[in-house]
């Protein structure tokens, strides 16, 4: 049910803290870096460590996504709220490429899919905009995010991942103070999602 926002209400019931849940529902089909490119950067010319390097590529991508607050390769996410959502909701782990669905889940687990003509993606590709508030037991927003494929991931992010992989590869088993090397942080910083 849509509820138009009334600026004259003394307290907007949707401004109170609500439970929120974010879940990746489709993993990326590939990684931003290939094994061969990563081995070239590491100056590794044998196959002994291929499994390790492949795992480091995945780990570096996951850490980069967490630090950047962005999805690098196309993946699907579900964002769920209890009780309702206001007319604008920030969608984490962008850039959002498409909105799949907005579903209202009732207490008896029946669902109602909201008409896609009543919501849209904002120009910055990081928020769902609706004509009014949506009230319900649980609201589930499903969307696709990411730079599509490895060719579209910005080169500084890839270079940051390579620097991070090199640090993890060279310092296996060492307990370091920093999760990310300074070089990676410097390369990632211009792309980090910041909420104002």
N, C-alpha and C. Protein backbone atom coordinates (compact mmCIF):
# COMPACT_ATOMS: atom_id res chain seq x y z
N UNK A 1 0.84 -1.17 0.00
CA UNK A 1 0.00 0.00 0.00
C UNK A 1 0.89 1.24 0.00
N UNK A 2 0.60 2.18 -0.87
CA UNK A 2 1.35 3.43 -0.93
C UNK A 2 0.75 4.44 0.04
N UNK A 3 1.62 5.15 0.74
CA UNK A 3 1.19 6.21 1.64
C UNK A 3 1.94 7.47 1.23
N UNK A 4 1.26 8.50 0.76
CA UNK A 4 1.98 9.72 0.39
C UNK A 4 2.60 10.36 1.63
N UNK A 5 3.79 10.91 1.47
CA UNK A 5 4.47 11.55 2.60
C UNK A 5 3.76 12.85 2.95
N UNK A 6 3.47 13.02 4.21
CA UNK A 6 2.80 14.23 4.69
C UNK A 6 3.80 15.04 5.52
N UNK A 7 4.32 16.17 4.98
CA UNK A 7 5.31 16.95 5.72
C UNK A 7 4.76 17.57 7.00
N UNK A 8 3.44 17.55 7.17
CA UNK A 8 2.85 18.15 8.36
C UNK A 8 2.68 17.16 9.50
N UNK A 9 2.95 15.88 9.23
CA UNK A 9 2.89 14.91 10.32
C UNK A 9 3.99 15.22 11.33
N UNK A 10 3.67 15.06 12.59
CA UNK A 10 4.67 15.36 13.62
C UNK A 10 5.80 14.35 13.62
N UNK A 11 5.49 13.10 13.30
CA UNK A 11 6.53 12.07 13.27
C UNK A 11 6.25 11.14 12.10
N UNK A 12 7.22 11.03 11.22
CA UNK A 12 7.10 10.13 10.09
C UNK A 12 7.39 8.71 10.59
N UNK A 13 6.43 7.80 10.54
CA UNK A 13 6.65 6.46 11.08
C UNK A 13 7.76 5.70 10.36
N UNK A 14 8.13 6.10 9.15
CA UNK A 14 9.18 5.40 8.43
C UNK A 14 10.57 5.95 8.72
N UNK A 15 10.66 7.01 9.52
CA UNK A 15 11.96 7.56 9.87
C UNK A 15 12.55 6.87 11.10
N UNK A 16 11.77 6.05 11.77
CA UNK A 16 12.30 5.32 12.92
C UNK A 16 13.16 4.18 12.42
N UNK A 17 14.05 3.70 13.28
CA UNK A 17 14.95 2.62 12.89
C UNK A 17 14.16 1.36 12.57
N UNK A 18 14.48 0.78 11.41
CA UNK A 18 13.85 -0.46 11.00
C UNK A 18 14.93 -1.49 10.74
N UNK A 19 14.58 -2.75 10.82
CA UNK A 19 15.52 -3.80 10.47
C UNK A 19 15.74 -3.80 8.97
N UNK A 20 17.00 -4.04 8.58
CA UNK A 20 17.36 -4.09 7.17
C UNK A 20 18.25 -5.30 6.96
N UNK A 21 18.08 -5.97 5.83
CA UNK A 21 18.85 -7.17 5.52
C UNK A 21 19.29 -7.11 4.07
N UNK A 22 20.60 -7.30 3.83
CA UNK A 22 21.14 -7.29 2.47
C UNK A 22 21.74 -8.67 2.19
N UNK A 23 21.37 -9.25 1.04
CA UNK A 23 21.85 -10.58 0.69
C UNK A 23 22.21 -10.63 -0.80
N UNK A 24 23.42 -11.15 -1.09
CA UNK A 24 23.80 -11.40 -2.48
C UNK A 24 23.07 -12.67 -2.91
N UNK A 25 22.29 -12.59 -3.99
CA UNK A 25 21.54 -13.78 -4.41
C UNK A 25 22.13 -14.44 -5.66
N UNK A 26 22.97 -13.71 -6.39
CA UNK A 26 23.69 -14.30 -7.52
C UNK A 26 25.14 -13.82 -7.47
N UNK A 27 26.07 -14.76 -7.38
CA UNK A 27 27.49 -14.42 -7.36
C UNK A 27 27.96 -14.00 -8.76
N UNK A 28 29.08 -13.28 -8.82
CA UNK A 28 29.64 -12.94 -10.14
C UNK A 28 30.02 -14.20 -10.91
N UNK A 29 29.82 -14.20 -12.21
CA UNK A 29 30.15 -15.36 -13.04
C UNK A 29 31.64 -15.43 -13.34
N UNK A 30 32.37 -14.33 -13.14
CA UNK A 30 33.80 -14.29 -13.41
C UNK A 30 34.46 -13.31 -12.45
N UNK A 31 35.76 -13.16 -12.58
CA UNK A 31 36.52 -12.22 -11.74
C UNK A 31 37.03 -11.06 -12.61
N UNK A 32 37.36 -9.93 -11.98
CA UNK A 32 37.90 -8.80 -12.75
C UNK A 32 39.28 -9.07 -13.35
N UNK A 33 40.02 -10.01 -12.77
CA UNK A 33 41.37 -10.34 -13.24
C UNK A 33 41.42 -11.79 -13.67
N UNK A 34 42.19 -12.07 -14.72
CA UNK A 34 42.40 -13.44 -15.14
C UNK A 34 43.59 -14.01 -14.40
N UNK A 35 43.66 -15.33 -14.35
CA UNK A 35 44.79 -15.99 -13.72
C UNK A 35 46.09 -15.65 -14.46
N UNK A 36 46.05 -15.65 -15.77
CA UNK A 36 47.28 -15.39 -16.55
C UNK A 36 47.80 -13.97 -16.33
N UNK A 37 46.90 -12.96 -16.31
CA UNK A 37 47.33 -11.58 -16.07
C UNK A 37 47.90 -11.42 -14.66
N UNK A 38 47.29 -12.09 -13.70
CA UNK A 38 47.75 -11.99 -12.32
C UNK A 38 49.11 -12.67 -12.16
N UNK A 39 49.29 -13.82 -12.79
CA UNK A 39 50.59 -14.50 -12.73
C UNK A 39 51.68 -13.67 -13.40
N UNK A 40 51.35 -12.99 -14.48
CA UNK A 40 52.31 -12.11 -15.14
C UNK A 40 52.73 -10.98 -14.20
N UNK A 41 51.78 -10.38 -13.50
CA UNK A 41 52.08 -9.32 -12.54
C UNK A 41 52.95 -9.84 -11.40
N UNK A 42 52.67 -11.05 -10.94
CA UNK A 42 53.42 -11.65 -9.83
C UNK A 42 54.76 -12.23 -10.27
N UNK A 43 54.99 -12.31 -11.58
CA UNK A 43 56.20 -12.92 -12.16
C UNK A 43 56.28 -14.41 -11.79
N UNK A 44 55.15 -15.07 -11.89
CA UNK A 44 55.07 -16.52 -11.64
C UNK A 44 54.92 -17.20 -12.99
N UNK A 45 55.82 -18.14 -13.29
CA UNK A 45 55.76 -18.79 -14.60
C UNK A 45 55.54 -20.30 -14.52
N UNK A 46 55.14 -20.81 -13.36
CA UNK A 46 54.80 -22.23 -13.24
C UNK A 46 53.34 -22.35 -12.81
N UNK A 47 52.86 -23.57 -12.72
CA UNK A 47 51.45 -23.80 -12.38
C UNK A 47 51.26 -24.28 -10.94
N UNK A 48 52.35 -24.34 -10.17
CA UNK A 48 52.29 -24.88 -8.81
C UNK A 48 51.31 -24.13 -7.92
N UNK A 49 51.23 -22.82 -8.09
CA UNK A 49 50.40 -21.99 -7.21
C UNK A 49 49.11 -21.50 -7.87
N UNK A 50 48.70 -22.13 -8.97
CA UNK A 50 47.51 -21.66 -9.68
C UNK A 50 46.26 -21.63 -8.81
N UNK A 51 46.05 -22.66 -8.00
CA UNK A 51 44.87 -22.69 -7.13
C UNK A 51 44.95 -21.58 -6.09
N UNK A 52 46.12 -21.41 -5.48
CA UNK A 52 46.31 -20.34 -4.50
C UNK A 52 46.05 -18.98 -5.13
N UNK A 53 46.63 -18.73 -6.29
CA UNK A 53 46.47 -17.41 -6.94
C UNK A 53 45.01 -17.18 -7.33
N UNK A 54 44.34 -18.21 -7.80
CA UNK A 54 42.90 -18.08 -8.14
C UNK A 54 42.10 -17.71 -6.90
N UNK A 55 42.40 -18.34 -5.76
CA UNK A 55 41.71 -18.01 -4.50
C UNK A 55 42.04 -16.59 -4.05
N UNK A 56 43.30 -16.15 -4.26
CA UNK A 56 43.67 -14.78 -3.89
C UNK A 56 42.95 -13.75 -4.75
N UNK A 57 42.72 -14.06 -6.02
CA UNK A 57 41.96 -13.15 -6.90
C UNK A 57 40.55 -12.97 -6.33
N UNK A 58 39.90 -14.07 -5.97
CA UNK A 58 38.55 -13.99 -5.41
C UNK A 58 38.54 -13.22 -4.10
N UNK A 59 39.50 -13.53 -3.23
CA UNK A 59 39.58 -12.84 -1.93
C UNK A 59 39.81 -11.34 -2.12
N UNK A 60 40.72 -10.98 -3.03
CA UNK A 60 41.00 -9.56 -3.29
C UNK A 60 39.78 -8.84 -3.84
N UNK A 61 39.02 -9.52 -4.72
CA UNK A 61 37.80 -8.91 -5.25
C UNK A 61 36.77 -8.67 -4.16
N UNK A 62 36.59 -9.67 -3.29
CA UNK A 62 35.61 -9.54 -2.20
C UNK A 62 36.00 -8.43 -1.23
N UNK A 63 37.29 -8.34 -0.89
CA UNK A 63 37.76 -7.28 0.01
C UNK A 63 37.61 -5.92 -0.66
N UNK A 64 37.95 -5.84 -1.95
CA UNK A 64 37.80 -4.58 -2.69
C UNK A 64 36.34 -4.14 -2.72
N UNK A 65 35.43 -5.08 -3.01
CA UNK A 65 34.01 -4.73 -3.05
C UNK A 65 33.54 -4.23 -1.70
N UNK A 66 33.97 -4.87 -0.64
CA UNK A 66 33.58 -4.45 0.70
C UNK A 66 34.11 -3.06 1.02
N UNK A 67 35.37 -2.79 0.68
CA UNK A 67 35.96 -1.49 0.96
C UNK A 67 35.36 -0.39 0.08
N UNK A 68 35.17 -0.71 -1.19
CA UNK A 68 34.61 0.26 -2.14
C UNK A 68 33.10 0.47 -1.94
N UNK A 69 32.44 -0.53 -1.33
CA UNK A 69 30.98 -0.56 -1.22
C UNK A 69 30.36 -0.60 -2.62
N UNK A 70 30.99 -1.36 -3.51
CA UNK A 70 30.56 -1.48 -4.90
C UNK A 70 30.68 -2.92 -5.36
N UNK A 71 29.83 -3.29 -6.31
CA UNK A 71 29.94 -4.58 -6.99
C UNK A 71 30.81 -4.38 -8.22
N UNK A 72 31.79 -5.24 -8.40
CA UNK A 72 32.68 -5.07 -9.55
C UNK A 72 32.16 -5.78 -10.79
N UNK A 73 31.75 -7.03 -10.65
CA UNK A 73 31.22 -7.81 -11.77
C UNK A 73 29.73 -8.03 -11.52
N UNK A 74 28.92 -8.13 -12.56
CA UNK A 74 27.47 -8.25 -12.44
C UNK A 74 27.07 -9.32 -11.42
N UNK A 75 26.20 -8.92 -10.51
CA UNK A 75 25.66 -9.81 -9.47
C UNK A 75 24.31 -9.26 -9.02
N UNK A 76 23.51 -10.13 -8.42
CA UNK A 76 22.17 -9.72 -7.98
C UNK A 76 22.13 -9.63 -6.46
N UNK A 77 21.38 -8.65 -5.98
CA UNK A 77 21.24 -8.40 -4.55
C UNK A 77 19.77 -8.30 -4.17
N UNK A 78 19.48 -8.68 -2.91
CA UNK A 78 18.14 -8.47 -2.35
C UNK A 78 18.29 -7.65 -1.08
N UNK A 79 17.57 -6.53 -1.03
CA UNK A 79 17.54 -5.65 0.14
C UNK A 79 16.15 -5.74 0.73
N UNK A 80 16.06 -6.12 2.01
CA UNK A 80 14.74 -6.29 2.64
C UNK A 80 14.62 -5.36 3.85
N UNK A 81 13.45 -4.77 4.01
CA UNK A 81 13.13 -3.91 5.15
C UNK A 81 11.87 -4.42 5.84
N UNK A 82 11.83 -4.28 7.14
CA UNK A 82 10.61 -4.56 7.89
C UNK A 82 9.73 -3.32 7.93
N UNK A 83 8.43 -3.52 7.87
CA UNK A 83 7.39 -2.51 8.09
C UNK A 83 7.16 -1.53 6.96
N UNK A 84 8.18 -1.18 6.18
CA UNK A 84 7.94 -0.26 5.08
C UNK A 84 9.20 0.48 4.69
N UNK A 85 9.09 1.24 3.60
CA UNK A 85 10.21 2.05 3.11
C UNK A 85 9.70 3.43 2.73
N UNK A 86 10.55 4.46 2.90
CA UNK A 86 10.16 5.79 2.44
C UNK A 86 10.23 5.87 0.92
N UNK A 87 9.99 7.04 0.37
CA UNK A 87 9.93 7.18 -1.09
C UNK A 87 11.30 7.10 -1.77
N UNK A 88 12.38 7.13 -1.00
CA UNK A 88 13.72 7.02 -1.57
C UNK A 88 14.55 6.08 -0.69
N UNK A 89 15.15 5.07 -1.31
CA UNK A 89 15.95 4.08 -0.58
C UNK A 89 17.29 3.93 -1.27
N UNK A 90 18.39 4.13 -0.52
CA UNK A 90 19.72 3.91 -1.05
C UNK A 90 19.93 2.42 -1.26
N UNK A 91 20.47 2.05 -2.41
CA UNK A 91 20.73 0.66 -2.75
C UNK A 91 22.23 0.40 -2.64
N UNK A 92 22.66 -0.36 -1.64
CA UNK A 92 24.09 -0.61 -1.46
C UNK A 92 24.67 -1.50 -2.55
N UNK A 93 25.99 -1.47 -2.67
CA UNK A 93 26.76 -2.34 -3.57
C UNK A 93 26.49 -2.07 -5.04
N UNK A 94 26.30 -0.80 -5.40
CA UNK A 94 26.12 -0.42 -6.80
C UNK A 94 27.43 -0.54 -7.57
N UNK A 95 27.53 0.00 -8.77
CA UNK A 95 26.49 0.74 -9.45
C UNK A 95 25.33 -0.19 -9.87
N UNK A 96 24.13 0.26 -9.59
CA UNK A 96 22.94 -0.54 -9.92
C UNK A 96 22.67 -0.39 -11.42
N UNK A 97 22.53 -1.53 -12.09
CA UNK A 97 22.28 -1.50 -13.53
C UNK A 97 20.80 -1.70 -13.86
N UNK A 98 20.07 -2.40 -12.98
CA UNK A 98 18.64 -2.57 -13.22
C UNK A 98 17.93 -2.95 -11.94
N UNK A 99 16.67 -2.56 -11.86
CA UNK A 99 15.79 -2.95 -10.76
C UNK A 99 14.98 -4.15 -11.23
N UNK A 100 15.08 -5.26 -10.51
CA UNK A 100 14.39 -6.48 -10.92
C UNK A 100 12.96 -6.49 -10.42
N UNK A 101 12.78 -6.21 -9.11
CA UNK A 101 11.43 -6.23 -8.55
C UNK A 101 11.39 -5.57 -7.18
N UNK A 102 10.20 -5.11 -6.83
CA UNK A 102 9.89 -4.66 -5.48
C UNK A 102 8.68 -5.48 -5.06
N UNK A 103 8.84 -6.25 -3.98
CA UNK A 103 7.80 -7.17 -3.55
C UNK A 103 7.41 -6.87 -2.11
N UNK A 104 6.11 -6.80 -1.87
CA UNK A 104 5.57 -6.63 -0.53
C UNK A 104 5.22 -8.03 -0.02
N UNK A 105 5.81 -8.43 1.11
CA UNK A 105 5.54 -9.73 1.71
C UNK A 105 4.63 -9.52 2.91
N UNK A 106 3.47 -10.19 2.91
CA UNK A 106 2.51 -10.05 4.00
C UNK A 106 2.86 -10.99 5.16
N UNK A 107 2.20 -10.80 6.29
CA UNK A 107 2.46 -11.63 7.47
C UNK A 107 2.18 -13.10 7.21
N UNK A 108 1.25 -13.39 6.33
CA UNK A 108 0.91 -14.78 6.03
C UNK A 108 1.77 -15.35 4.90
N UNK A 109 2.85 -14.64 4.54
CA UNK A 109 3.83 -15.03 3.52
C UNK A 109 3.32 -14.91 2.08
N UNK A 110 2.10 -14.40 1.89
CA UNK A 110 1.66 -14.10 0.54
C UNK A 110 2.41 -12.86 0.07
N UNK A 111 2.54 -12.73 -1.24
CA UNK A 111 3.32 -11.61 -1.78
C UNK A 111 2.51 -10.81 -2.79
N UNK A 112 2.93 -9.57 -2.95
CA UNK A 112 2.35 -8.69 -3.96
C UNK A 112 3.50 -7.97 -4.65
N UNK A 113 3.65 -8.18 -5.95
CA UNK A 113 4.71 -7.51 -6.71
C UNK A 113 4.22 -6.11 -7.06
N UNK A 114 5.02 -5.11 -6.73
CA UNK A 114 4.66 -3.72 -6.98
C UNK A 114 4.89 -3.39 -8.46
N UNK A 115 3.96 -2.68 -9.05
CA UNK A 115 4.02 -2.30 -10.47
C UNK A 115 5.29 -1.48 -10.72
N UNK A 116 6.09 -1.91 -11.69
CA UNK A 116 7.37 -1.25 -11.96
C UNK A 116 7.22 0.18 -12.49
N UNK A 117 6.02 0.56 -12.89
CA UNK A 117 5.82 1.94 -13.34
C UNK A 117 5.74 2.92 -12.17
N UNK A 118 5.71 2.41 -10.93
CA UNK A 118 5.59 3.28 -9.76
C UNK A 118 6.94 3.54 -9.07
N UNK A 119 8.03 2.99 -9.64
CA UNK A 119 9.36 3.25 -9.08
C UNK A 119 10.40 3.28 -10.19
N UNK A 120 11.55 3.86 -9.90
CA UNK A 120 12.62 3.97 -10.89
C UNK A 120 13.95 4.12 -10.17
N UNK A 121 15.02 4.02 -10.96
CA UNK A 121 16.38 4.18 -10.46
C UNK A 121 16.81 5.62 -10.65
N UNK A 122 17.43 6.21 -9.62
CA UNK A 122 17.84 7.61 -9.74
C UNK A 122 19.01 7.76 -10.72
N UNK A 123 19.36 8.99 -11.06
CA UNK A 123 20.39 9.26 -12.06
C UNK A 123 21.77 8.78 -11.63
N UNK A 124 22.04 8.76 -10.33
CA UNK A 124 23.34 8.31 -9.82
C UNK A 124 23.45 6.79 -9.77
N UNK A 125 22.38 6.10 -10.10
CA UNK A 125 22.32 4.63 -10.10
C UNK A 125 22.62 4.03 -8.73
N UNK A 126 22.12 4.69 -7.68
CA UNK A 126 22.36 4.16 -6.34
C UNK A 126 21.15 4.25 -5.42
N UNK A 127 19.98 4.60 -5.96
CA UNK A 127 18.79 4.70 -5.11
C UNK A 127 17.52 4.35 -5.89
N UNK A 128 16.60 3.73 -5.18
CA UNK A 128 15.26 3.45 -5.69
C UNK A 128 14.38 4.63 -5.30
N UNK A 129 13.67 5.18 -6.26
CA UNK A 129 12.75 6.30 -6.02
C UNK A 129 11.33 5.80 -6.31
N UNK A 130 10.40 6.12 -5.39
CA UNK A 130 9.01 5.72 -5.56
C UNK A 130 8.11 6.97 -5.50
N UNK A 131 6.88 6.81 -5.97
CA UNK A 131 5.93 7.92 -5.90
C UNK A 131 5.48 8.21 -4.48
N UNK A 132 5.61 7.26 -3.57
CA UNK A 132 5.22 7.46 -2.18
C UNK A 132 5.81 6.36 -1.32
N UNK A 133 5.57 6.45 -0.03
CA UNK A 133 6.05 5.42 0.90
C UNK A 133 5.34 4.10 0.64
N UNK A 134 5.99 3.02 0.97
CA UNK A 134 5.40 1.70 0.82
C UNK A 134 5.36 1.05 2.20
N UNK A 135 4.16 0.70 2.65
CA UNK A 135 3.95 0.12 3.98
C UNK A 135 3.62 -1.36 3.82
N UNK A 136 4.24 -2.19 4.66
CA UNK A 136 3.95 -3.62 4.62
C UNK A 136 4.74 -4.36 5.67
N UNK A 137 4.45 -5.63 5.85
CA UNK A 137 5.15 -6.46 6.83
C UNK A 137 6.64 -6.53 6.50
N UNK A 138 6.97 -6.82 5.24
CA UNK A 138 8.35 -6.82 4.78
C UNK A 138 8.36 -6.39 3.31
N UNK A 139 9.34 -5.57 2.95
CA UNK A 139 9.51 -5.11 1.59
C UNK A 139 10.84 -5.67 1.08
N UNK A 140 10.82 -6.34 -0.07
CA UNK A 140 12.03 -6.91 -0.66
C UNK A 140 12.31 -6.26 -2.01
N UNK A 141 13.49 -5.68 -2.13
CA UNK A 141 13.93 -5.02 -3.36
C UNK A 141 15.04 -5.87 -3.97
N UNK A 142 14.84 -6.34 -5.19
CA UNK A 142 15.86 -7.15 -5.88
C UNK A 142 16.40 -6.34 -7.04
N UNK A 143 17.72 -6.32 -7.17
CA UNK A 143 18.34 -5.52 -8.23
C UNK A 143 19.66 -6.14 -8.69
N UNK A 144 20.11 -5.71 -9.85
CA UNK A 144 21.37 -6.15 -10.43
C UNK A 144 22.36 -4.99 -10.35
N UNK A 145 23.60 -5.32 -9.97
CA UNK A 145 24.62 -4.28 -9.82
C UNK A 145 25.95 -4.77 -10.36
N UNK A 146 26.84 -3.83 -10.63
CA UNK A 146 28.19 -4.16 -11.08
C UNK A 146 28.55 -3.44 -12.36
N UNK A 147 29.83 -3.51 -12.70
CA UNK A 147 30.34 -2.89 -13.93
C UNK A 147 30.16 -3.80 -15.13
N UNK A 148 29.37 -4.82 -15.03
CA UNK A 148 29.07 -5.80 -16.09
C UNK A 148 30.16 -6.86 -16.15
N UNK A 149 31.25 -6.60 -16.85
CA UNK A 149 32.30 -7.61 -16.96
C UNK A 149 33.66 -6.99 -16.69
N UNK A 150 34.71 -7.80 -16.78
CA UNK A 150 36.07 -7.36 -16.43
C UNK A 150 36.52 -6.17 -17.28
N UNK A 151 36.10 -6.13 -18.54
CA UNK A 151 36.52 -5.03 -19.43
C UNK A 151 36.01 -3.67 -18.95
N UNK A 152 34.91 -3.65 -18.20
CA UNK A 152 34.31 -2.39 -17.75
C UNK A 152 34.75 -1.97 -16.35
N UNK A 153 35.45 -2.84 -15.63
CA UNK A 153 35.95 -2.47 -14.30
C UNK A 153 37.07 -1.45 -14.49
N UNK A 154 37.01 -0.30 -13.81
CA UNK A 154 38.05 0.73 -13.99
C UNK A 154 39.45 0.16 -13.73
N UNK A 155 40.40 0.54 -14.58
CA UNK A 155 41.77 0.03 -14.48
C UNK A 155 42.42 0.28 -13.12
N UNK A 156 42.22 1.46 -12.48
CA UNK A 156 42.83 1.64 -11.16
C UNK A 156 42.35 0.62 -10.13
N UNK A 157 41.09 0.18 -10.22
CA UNK A 157 40.60 -0.84 -9.31
C UNK A 157 41.32 -2.16 -9.57
N UNK A 158 41.52 -2.50 -10.83
CA UNK A 158 42.25 -3.73 -11.16
C UNK A 158 43.69 -3.65 -10.67
N UNK A 159 44.32 -2.48 -10.83
CA UNK A 159 45.69 -2.33 -10.35
C UNK A 159 45.76 -2.42 -8.83
N UNK A 160 44.76 -1.88 -8.16
CA UNK A 160 44.69 -2.01 -6.71
C UNK A 160 44.56 -3.45 -6.27
N UNK A 161 43.75 -4.21 -7.00
CA UNK A 161 43.61 -5.64 -6.70
C UNK A 161 44.93 -6.38 -6.91
N UNK A 162 45.65 -6.06 -8.00
CA UNK A 162 46.94 -6.70 -8.26
C UNK A 162 47.95 -6.41 -7.14
N UNK A 163 47.97 -5.15 -6.68
CA UNK A 163 48.87 -4.79 -5.58
C UNK A 163 48.51 -5.56 -4.31
N UNK A 164 47.23 -5.71 -4.07
CA UNK A 164 46.77 -6.44 -2.88
C UNK A 164 47.11 -7.93 -3.00
N UNK A 165 46.89 -8.51 -4.17
CA UNK A 165 47.21 -9.92 -4.39
C UNK A 165 48.71 -10.15 -4.20
N UNK A 166 49.54 -9.25 -4.73
CA UNK A 166 50.99 -9.39 -4.58
C UNK A 166 51.38 -9.36 -3.11
N UNK A 167 50.76 -8.46 -2.33
CA UNK A 167 51.06 -8.38 -0.89
C UNK A 167 50.64 -9.67 -0.18
N UNK A 168 49.46 -10.19 -0.52
CA UNK A 168 49.00 -11.43 0.11
C UNK A 168 49.86 -12.62 -0.31
N UNK A 169 50.27 -12.65 -1.57
CA UNK A 169 51.08 -13.76 -2.09
C UNK A 169 52.48 -13.75 -1.47
N UNK A 170 53.09 -12.57 -1.39
CA UNK A 170 54.45 -12.45 -0.86
C UNK A 170 54.52 -12.62 0.65
N UNK A 171 53.42 -12.34 1.34
CA UNK A 171 53.42 -12.37 2.81
C UNK A 171 52.50 -13.46 3.35
N UNK A 172 52.46 -14.60 2.68
CA UNK A 172 51.59 -15.70 3.12
C UNK A 172 51.93 -16.11 4.54
N UNK A 173 50.91 -16.20 5.37
CA UNK A 173 51.10 -16.66 6.74
C UNK A 173 51.51 -15.58 7.71
N UNK A 174 51.88 -14.39 7.20
CA UNK A 174 52.25 -13.30 8.10
C UNK A 174 51.00 -12.56 8.54
N UNK A 175 50.96 -12.22 9.82
CA UNK A 175 49.84 -11.43 10.34
C UNK A 175 50.19 -9.96 10.19
N UNK A 176 49.55 -9.31 9.23
CA UNK A 176 49.82 -7.89 9.01
C UNK A 176 48.84 -7.02 9.76
N UNK A 177 49.22 -5.75 9.92
CA UNK A 177 48.35 -4.80 10.61
C UNK A 177 47.26 -4.27 9.68
N UNK A 178 47.54 -4.22 8.39
CA UNK A 178 46.61 -3.62 7.43
C UNK A 178 45.97 -4.69 6.57
N UNK A 179 44.69 -4.55 6.33
CA UNK A 179 44.00 -5.46 5.42
C UNK A 179 44.37 -5.11 3.98
N UNK A 180 44.45 -3.83 3.69
CA UNK A 180 44.77 -3.36 2.34
C UNK A 180 46.11 -2.62 2.34
N UNK A 181 46.96 -2.90 1.35
CA UNK A 181 48.19 -2.11 1.23
C UNK A 181 47.85 -0.67 0.86
N UNK A 182 48.73 0.26 1.22
CA UNK A 182 48.50 1.68 0.96
C UNK A 182 48.32 1.95 -0.54
N UNK A 183 49.05 1.22 -1.38
CA UNK A 183 48.92 1.40 -2.83
C UNK A 183 47.50 1.07 -3.29
N UNK A 184 46.93 0.00 -2.76
CA UNK A 184 45.56 -0.37 -3.13
C UNK A 184 44.57 0.69 -2.67
N UNK A 185 44.74 1.16 -1.44
CA UNK A 185 43.83 2.19 -0.91
C UNK A 185 43.88 3.43 -1.79
N UNK A 186 45.08 3.85 -2.19
CA UNK A 186 45.21 5.02 -3.04
C UNK A 186 44.53 4.85 -4.39
N UNK A 187 44.62 3.65 -4.95
CA UNK A 187 43.98 3.38 -6.24
C UNK A 187 42.47 3.25 -6.12
N UNK A 188 41.99 2.72 -4.99
CA UNK A 188 40.55 2.51 -4.79
C UNK A 188 39.80 3.80 -4.42
N UNK A 189 40.46 4.69 -3.70
CA UNK A 189 39.77 5.82 -3.06
C UNK A 189 38.86 6.62 -3.99
N UNK A 190 39.26 6.97 -5.22
CA UNK A 190 38.35 7.75 -6.07
C UNK A 190 37.04 7.04 -6.43
N UNK A 191 37.00 5.73 -6.25
CA UNK A 191 35.83 4.95 -6.65
C UNK A 191 34.97 4.51 -5.47
N UNK A 192 35.37 4.87 -4.25
CA UNK A 192 34.64 4.42 -3.07
C UNK A 192 33.29 5.12 -2.99
N UNK A 193 32.24 4.34 -2.71
CA UNK A 193 30.89 4.88 -2.57
C UNK A 193 30.79 5.64 -1.25
N UNK A 194 30.46 6.91 -1.32
CA UNK A 194 30.33 7.75 -0.13
C UNK A 194 28.89 8.26 -0.09
N UNK A 195 28.26 8.07 1.07
CA UNK A 195 26.90 8.60 1.24
C UNK A 195 26.96 9.94 1.92
N UNK A 196 26.31 10.93 1.32
CA UNK A 196 26.30 12.29 1.89
C UNK A 196 25.03 12.53 2.68
